[in-house]
Amino acid sequence: MEFQYTTERLILRDFIPEEDAPILQGYLSDKELAWQSIAMPHPLPEGTALQYINNYQRFRKEGVSTWFAVTLKENNQFIGITGLIHYTEHKKAHVGYSLGRQYWGKGYATEAAKKMLEVGFKDLGLNRIGGTVYADNENSLKVMSRLGLKREGTWRSDFIKWGEVRDVAFFGLLKEEYEEMMAKEKEKEELLVKEKEEQK
């Protein structure tokens, strides 16, 4: 495969359209998932997931966005998608993710999106990565916090979803903040290793 990244529990890989599209169609057809997604329609027209995947592959070639299939290391199960939407001339991007509901609450979204921060800041040389979520989406608010993105404000009554007016929270992380965060994590890891060695 042309692109592949790994984390502790996940593999982020290229899409395999004929295999991934039917599964993604099922995930994205979940009404609760669609409710928490700013742009996702419900019901989802047949063939939409395949269209999305084809677009993701084309957009990556054109430099518009970078999206990956998220799979479990243990069994190669495809569980969702994660990626970056580029704003190349400004050296910034927005991070996104969408997982099947049965995989919520397990830390997979944070793990996958954290790798995308690394790709964005280290591989793509970005200066800033942002994110937007509905202000009442507690799960995604937690993901943003765990990623280290700072809440920069709220767009009040910004979006109407299925006739309901909703607020949108927006977040951002700068390259220097990311590097400082990674340095602190490395320091903690080294300290834990040292403590374990001293206990032997």
C-alpha atoms as a PDB file:
ATOM      1  CA  MET A   1       0.000   0.000   0.000  1.00  0.00           C
ATOM      2  CA  GLU A   2       1.215   3.508  -0.775  1.00  0.00           C
ATOM      3  CA  PHE A   3       0.406   5.004   2.611  1.00  0.00           C
ATOM      4  CA  GLN A   4       0.240   3.317   5.998  1.00  0.00           C
ATOM      5  CA  TYR A   5       0.719   4.483   9.571  1.00  0.00           C
ATOM      6  CA  THR A   6       0.521   2.482  12.777  1.00  0.00           C
ATOM      7  CA  THR A   7      -0.321   3.307  16.389  1.00  0.00           C
ATOM      8  CA  GLU A   8      -0.441   1.102  19.475  1.00  0.00           C
ATOM      9  CA  ARG A   9      -3.733  -0.528  18.452  1.00  0.00           C
ATOM     10  CA  LEU A  10      -4.492   0.765  14.968  1.00  0.00           C
ATOM     11  CA  ILE A  11      -3.363   0.769  11.361  1.00  0.00           C
ATOM     12  CA  LEU A  12      -4.234   3.779   9.201  1.00  0.00           C
ATOM     13  CA  ARG A  13      -4.093   2.591   5.589  1.00  0.00           C
ATOM     14  CA  ASP A  14      -5.184   3.312   2.047  1.00  0.00           C
ATOM     15  CA  PHE A  15      -8.807   2.549   1.264  1.00  0.00           C
ATOM     16  CA  ILE A  16      -9.802  -0.702  -0.420  1.00  0.00           C
ATOM     17  CA  PRO A  17     -13.012   0.590  -2.038  1.00  0.00           C
ATOM     18  CA  GLU A  18     -14.725  -2.723  -2.773  1.00  0.00           C
ATOM     19  CA  GLU A  19     -14.127  -3.952   0.794  1.00  0.00           C
ATOM     20  CA  ASP A  20     -14.426  -0.757   2.835  1.00  0.00           C
ATOM     21  CA  ALA A  21     -17.374   0.946   1.114  1.00  0.00           C
ATOM     22  CA  PRO A  22     -20.137  -1.489   2.235  1.00  0.00           C
ATOM     23  CA  ILE A  23     -18.904  -1.363   5.844  1.00  0.00           C
ATOM     24  CA  LEU A  24     -18.559   2.422   5.813  1.00  0.00           C
ATOM     25  CA  GLN A  25     -22.047   2.713   4.307  1.00  0.00           C
ATOM     26  CA  GLY A  26     -23.377   0.856   7.343  1.00  0.00           C
ATOM     27  CA  TYR A  27     -21.470   2.987   9.836  1.00  0.00           C
ATOM     28  CA  LEU A  28     -22.506   6.284   8.245  1.00  0.00           C
ATOM     29  CA  SER A  29     -26.151   5.190   8.024  1.00  0.00           C
ATOM     30  CA  ASP A  30     -26.362   5.282  11.843  1.00  0.00           C
ATOM     31  CA  LYS A  31     -28.761   8.093  12.770  1.00  0.00           C
ATOM     32  CA  GLU A  32     -26.844   9.008  15.953  1.00  0.00           C
ATOM     33  CA  LEU A  33     -23.591   9.313  13.998  1.00  0.00           C
ATOM     34  CA  ALA A  34     -25.299  11.488  11.401  1.00  0.00           C
ATOM     35  CA  TRP A  35     -26.764  13.693  14.154  1.00  0.00           C
ATOM     36  CA  GLN A  36     -23.295  14.425  15.525  1.00  0.00           C
ATOM     37  CA  SER A  37     -21.775  15.019  12.077  1.00  0.00           C
ATOM     38  CA  ILE A  38     -22.092  18.535  10.708  1.00  0.00           C
ATOM     39  CA  ALA A  39     -22.447  17.496   7.074  1.00  0.00           C
ATOM     40  CA  MET A  40     -23.710  13.875   7.135  1.00  0.00           C
ATOM     41  CA  PRO A  41     -27.226  13.337   5.726  1.00  0.00           C
ATOM     42  CA  HIS A  42     -29.735  10.782   7.008  1.00  0.00           C
ATOM     43  CA  PRO A  43     -30.900   8.519   5.547  1.00  0.00           C
ATOM     44  CA  LEU A  44     -27.678   8.010   3.610  1.00  0.00           C
ATOM     45  CA  PRO A  45     -28.322   7.359  -0.105  1.00  0.00           C
ATOM     46  CA  GLU A  46     -27.027   4.008  -1.356  1.00  0.00           C
ATOM     47  CA  GLY A  47     -23.549   4.275  -2.834  1.00  0.00           C
ATOM     48  CA  THR A  48     -22.610   7.411  -0.873  1.00  0.00           C
ATOM     49  CA  ALA A  49     -19.772   5.699   1.036  1.00  0.00           C
ATOM     50  CA  LEU A  50     -18.155   4.513  -2.188  1.00  0.00           C
ATOM     51  CA  GLN A  51     -18.448   8.036  -3.588  1.00  0.00           C
ATOM     52  CA  TYR A  52     -16.793   9.420  -0.433  1.00  0.00           C
ATOM     53  CA  ILE A  53     -13.923   6.924  -0.693  1.00  0.00           C
ATOM     54  CA  ASN A  54     -13.354   7.727  -4.361  1.00  0.00           C
ATOM     55  CA  ASN A  55     -13.327  11.420  -3.450  1.00  0.00           C
ATOM     56  CA  TYR A  56     -10.880  10.842  -0.574  1.00  0.00           C
ATOM     57  CA  GLN A  57      -8.455   9.097  -2.914  1.00  0.00           C
ATOM     58  CA  ARG A  58      -8.752  11.819  -5.539  1.00  0.00           C
ATOM     59  CA  PHE A  59      -8.474  14.632  -2.986  1.00  0.00           C
ATOM     60  CA  ARG A  60      -5.249  13.180  -1.577  1.00  0.00           C
ATOM     61  CA  LYS A  61      -3.689  13.090  -5.038  1.00  0.00           C
ATOM     62  CA  GLU A  62      -4.768  16.704  -5.567  1.00  0.00           C
ATOM     63  CA  GLY A  63      -3.499  17.801  -2.138  1.00  0.00           C
ATOM     64  CA  VAL A  64      -6.974  18.844  -0.968  1.00  0.00           C
ATOM     65  CA  SER A  65      -7.147  16.433   1.967  1.00  0.00           C
ATOM     66  CA  THR A  66      -5.497  13.366   3.472  1.00  0.00           C
ATOM     67  CA  TRP A  67      -7.880  10.603   4.603  1.00  0.00           C
ATOM     68  CA  PHE A  68      -7.205   7.057   5.771  1.00  0.00           C
ATOM     69  CA  ALA A  69      -9.144   3.925   6.613  1.00  0.00           C
ATOM     70  CA  VAL A  70      -8.826   3.115  10.332  1.00  0.00           C
ATOM     71  CA  THR A  71      -8.395  -0.594  11.103  1.00  0.00           C
ATOM     72  CA  LEU A  72      -7.684  -2.628  14.230  1.00  0.00           C
ATOM     73  CA  LYS A  73      -4.196  -4.135  14.415  1.00  0.00           C
ATOM     74  CA  GLU A  74      -5.420  -7.320  16.051  1.00  0.00           C
ATOM     75  CA  ASN A  75      -7.774  -8.438  13.277  1.00  0.00           C
ATOM     76  CA  ASN A  76      -7.587  -5.850  10.444  1.00  0.00           C
ATOM     77  CA  GLN A  77     -11.219  -4.874  11.091  1.00  0.00           C
ATOM     78  CA  PHE A  78     -12.135  -1.624   9.309  1.00  0.00           C
ATOM     79  CA  ILE A  79     -13.710   0.620  11.959  1.00  0.00           C
ATOM     80  CA  GLY A  80     -13.913   4.077  10.366  1.00  0.00           C
ATOM     81  CA  ILE A  81     -12.000   6.984   8.852  1.00  0.00           C
ATOM     82  CA  THR A  82      -9.715   9.804   9.931  1.00  0.00           C
ATOM     83  CA  GLY A  83      -8.001  12.593   8.064  1.00  0.00           C
ATOM     84  CA  LEU A  84      -6.945  16.160   7.494  1.00  0.00           C
ATOM     85  CA  ILE A  85      -8.648  18.771   5.322  1.00  0.00           C
ATOM     86  CA  HIS A  86      -5.890  20.993   3.947  1.00  0.00           C
ATOM     87  CA  TYR A  87      -5.683  24.762   3.596  1.00  0.00           C
ATOM     88  CA  THR A  88      -2.286  24.589   1.901  1.00  0.00           C
ATOM     89  CA  GLU A  89      -1.602  28.270   1.279  1.00  0.00           C
ATOM     90  CA  HIS A  90      -2.062  28.952   4.995  1.00  0.00           C
ATOM     91  CA  LYS A  91      -0.109  25.845   6.128  1.00  0.00           C
ATOM     92  CA  LYS A  92      -3.031  24.641   8.214  1.00  0.00           C
ATOM     93  CA  ALA A  93      -5.613  21.843   8.263  1.00  0.00           C
ATOM     94  CA  HIS A  94      -8.699  20.596  10.090  1.00  0.00           C
ATOM     95  CA  VAL A  95      -8.631  17.150  11.663  1.00  0.00           C
ATOM     96  CA  GLY A  96     -11.619  14.833  11.273  1.00  0.00           C
ATOM     97  CA  TYR A  97     -12.695  11.311  12.219  1.00  0.00           C
ATOM     98  CA  SER A  98     -15.764   9.115  12.032  1.00  0.00           C
ATOM     99  CA  LEU A  99     -15.994   5.632  13.545  1.00  0.00           C
ATOM    100  CA  GLY A 100     -18.728   3.025  13.684  1.00  0.00           C
ATOM    101  CA  ARG A 101     -20.748   3.539  16.856  1.00  0.00           C
ATOM    102  CA  GLN A 102     -19.726   0.151  18.292  1.00  0.00           C
ATOM    103  CA  TYR A 103     -16.175   1.523  18.449  1.00  0.00           C
ATOM    104  CA  TRP A 104     -17.029   4.699  20.361  1.00  0.00           C
ATOM    105  CA  GLY A 105     -15.766   5.151  23.915  1.00  0.00           C
ATOM    106  CA  LYS A 106     -12.656   2.996  23.457  1.00  0.00           C
ATOM    107  CA  GLY A 107     -10.141   5.749  22.703  1.00  0.00           C
ATOM    108  CA  TYR A 108      -9.788   4.800  19.037  1.00  0.00           C
ATOM    109  CA  ALA A 109     -10.823   8.218  17.706  1.00  0.00           C
ATOM    110  CA  THR A 110      -8.230   9.945  19.893  1.00  0.00           C
ATOM    111  CA  GLU A 111      -5.539   7.430  18.908  1.00  0.00           C
ATOM    112  CA  ALA A 112      -6.241   7.778  15.189  1.00  0.00           C
ATOM    113  CA  ALA A 113      -6.541  11.570  15.239  1.00  0.00           C
ATOM    114  CA  LYS A 114      -3.353  11.897  17.306  1.00  0.00           C
ATOM    115  CA  LYS A 115      -1.468  10.154  14.501  1.00  0.00           C
ATOM    116  CA  MET A 116      -2.992  12.641  12.052  1.00  0.00           C
ATOM    117  CA  LEU A 117      -1.590  15.499  14.156  1.00  0.00           C
ATOM    118  CA  GLU A 118       1.836  13.895  13.816  1.00  0.00           C
ATOM    119  CA  VAL A 119       1.376  13.516  10.047  1.00  0.00           C
ATOM    120  CA  GLY A 120       0.233  17.127   9.763  1.00  0.00           C
ATOM    121  CA  PHE A 121       2.944  18.776  11.818  1.00  0.00           C
ATOM    122  CA  LYS A 122       5.882  16.482  11.015  1.00  0.00           C
ATOM    123  CA  ASP A 123       5.239  15.166   7.494  1.00  0.00           C
ATOM    124  CA  LEU A 124       3.231  18.018   5.991  1.00  0.00           C
ATOM    125  CA  GLY A 125       4.958  20.878   7.805  1.00  0.00           C
ATOM    126  CA  LEU A 126       1.742  22.533   8.987  1.00  0.00           C
ATOM    127  CA  ASN A 127       1.700  25.508  11.356  1.00  0.00           C
ATOM    128  CA  ARG A 128      -1.796  24.892  12.735  1.00  0.00           C
ATOM    129  CA  ILE A 129      -4.399  22.122  12.983  1.00  0.00           C
ATOM    130  CA  GLY A 130      -7.960  22.917  13.994  1.00  0.00           C
ATOM    131  CA  GLY A 131     -11.191  21.071  14.602  1.00  0.00           C
ATOM    132  CA  THR A 132     -14.911  21.827  14.838  1.00  0.00           C
ATOM    133  CA  VAL A 133     -17.612  19.842  16.642  1.00  0.00           C
ATOM    134  CA  TYR A 134     -21.145  20.487  17.801  1.00  0.00           C
ATOM    135  CA  ALA A 135     -20.946  22.142  21.215  1.00  0.00           C
ATOM    136  CA  ASP A 136     -23.238  19.481  22.706  1.00  0.00           C
ATOM    137  CA  ASN A 137     -21.216  16.540  21.338  1.00  0.00           C
ATOM    138  CA  GLU A 138     -19.599  15.452  24.595  1.00  0.00           C
ATOM    139  CA  ASN A 139     -17.649  12.573  23.042  1.00  0.00           C
ATOM    140  CA  SER A 140     -15.925  14.735  20.438  1.00  0.00           C
ATOM    141  CA  LEU A 141     -15.321  17.518  22.952  1.00  0.00           C
ATOM    142  CA  LYS A 142     -13.381  14.973  25.021  1.00  0.00           C
ATOM    143  CA  VAL A 143     -11.428  13.832  21.955  1.00  0.00           C
ATOM    144  CA  MET A 144     -10.395  17.417  21.181  1.00  0.00           C
ATOM    145  CA  SER A 145      -9.267  17.905  24.775  1.00  0.00           C
ATOM    146  CA  ARG A 146      -7.274  14.651  24.832  1.00  0.00           C
ATOM    147  CA  LEU A 147      -5.567  15.652  21.590  1.00  0.00           C
ATOM    148  CA  GLY A 148      -4.411  18.859  23.226  1.00  0.00           C
ATOM    149  CA  LEU A 149      -6.414  21.158  20.959  1.00  0.00           C
ATOM    150  CA  LYS A 150      -7.419  24.352  22.723  1.00  0.00           C
ATOM    151  CA  ARG A 151     -11.022  25.508  22.619  1.00  0.00           C
ATOM    152  CA  GLU A 152     -10.902  28.917  20.988  1.00  0.00           C
ATOM    153  CA  GLY A 153     -14.585  29.769  21.051  1.00  0.00           C
ATOM    154  CA  THR A 154     -18.143  28.909  20.052  1.00  0.00           C
ATOM    155  CA  TRP A 155     -20.104  29.893  16.982  1.00  0.00           C
ATOM    156  CA  ARG A 156     -23.556  30.387  18.490  1.00  0.00           C
ATOM    157  CA  SER A 157     -26.600  29.184  16.529  1.00  0.00           C
ATOM    158  CA  ASP A 158     -24.202  28.434  13.694  1.00  0.00           C
ATOM    159  CA  PHE A 159     -25.804  25.400  12.096  1.00  0.00           C
ATOM    160  CA  ILE A 160     -29.287  24.001  11.620  1.00  0.00           C
ATOM    161  CA  LYS A 161     -29.387  20.202  11.743  1.00  0.00           C
ATOM    162  CA  TRP A 162     -32.726  18.612  10.930  1.00  0.00           C
ATOM    163  CA  GLY A 163     -34.530  21.786  11.919  1.00  0.00           C
ATOM    164  CA  GLU A 164     -32.688  22.275  15.217  1.00  0.00           C
ATOM    165  CA  VAL A 165     -30.344  25.231  15.722  1.00  0.00           C
ATOM    166  CA  ARG A 166     -26.997  24.126  17.171  1.00  0.00           C
ATOM    167  CA  ASP A 167     -23.839  25.780  18.450  1.00  0.00           C
ATOM    168  CA  VAL A 168     -20.443  24.773  17.027  1.00  0.00           C
ATOM    169  CA  ALA A 169     -17.270  24.705  19.158  1.00  0.00           C
ATOM    170  CA  PHE A 170     -13.975  25.343  17.400  1.00  0.00           C
ATOM    171  CA  PHE A 171     -10.489  24.287  18.483  1.00  0.00           C
ATOM    172  CA  GLY A 172      -6.893  24.855  17.418  1.00  0.00           C
ATOM    173  CA  LEU A 173      -3.365  23.649  18.052  1.00  0.00           C
ATOM    174  CA  LEU A 174      -0.179  25.388  16.884  1.00  0.00           C
ATOM    175  CA  LYS A 175       3.000  23.596  15.839  1.00  0.00           C
ATOM    176  CA  GLU A 176       5.010  24.960  18.762  1.00  0.00           C
ATOM    177  CA  GLU A 177       2.299  23.872  21.200  1.00  0.00           C
ATOM    178  CA  TYR A 178       2.288  20.398  19.663  1.00  0.00           C
ATOM    179  CA  GLU A 179       6.077  20.125  19.935  1.00  0.00           C
ATOM    180  CA  GLU A 180       5.974  21.243  23.572  1.00  0.00           C
ATOM    181  CA  MET A 181       3.246  18.698  24.300  1.00  0.00           C
ATOM    182  CA  MET A 182       5.251  15.887  22.649  1.00  0.00           C
ATOM    183  CA  ALA A 183       8.389  16.867  24.582  1.00  0.00           C
ATOM    184  CA  LYS A 184       6.476  16.611  27.869  1.00  0.00           C
ATOM    185  CA  GLU A 185       5.064  13.211  26.885  1.00  0.00           C
ATOM    186  CA  LYS A 186       8.545  11.955  26.042  1.00  0.00           C
ATOM    187  CA  GLU A 187       9.840  13.253  29.353  1.00  0.00           C
ATOM    188  CA  LYS A 188       7.086  11.374  31.218  1.00  0.00           C
ATOM    189  CA  GLU A 189       7.824   8.162  29.315  1.00  0.00           C
ATOM    190  CA  GLU A 190      11.536   8.397  30.062  1.00  0.00           C
ATOM    191  CA  LEU A 191      10.784   8.994  33.745  1.00  0.00           C
ATOM    192  CA  LEU A 192       8.529   5.903  33.882  1.00  0.00           C
ATOM    193  CA  VAL A 193      11.229   3.777  32.246  1.00  0.00           C
ATOM    194  CA  LYS A 194      13.789   5.054  34.749  1.00  0.00           C
ATOM    195  CA  GLU A 195      11.465   4.287  37.690  1.00  0.00           C
ATOM    196  CA  LYS A 196      10.867   0.736  36.430  1.00  0.00           C
ATOM    197  CA  GLU A 197      14.606   0.147  36.039  1.00  0.00           C
ATOM    198  CA  GLU A 198      15.242   1.395  39.573  1.00  0.00           C
ATOM    199  CA  GLN A 199      12.613  -1.009  40.936  1.00  0.00           C
ATOM    200  CA  LYS A 200      14.348  -4.061  39.426  1.00  0.00           C
END
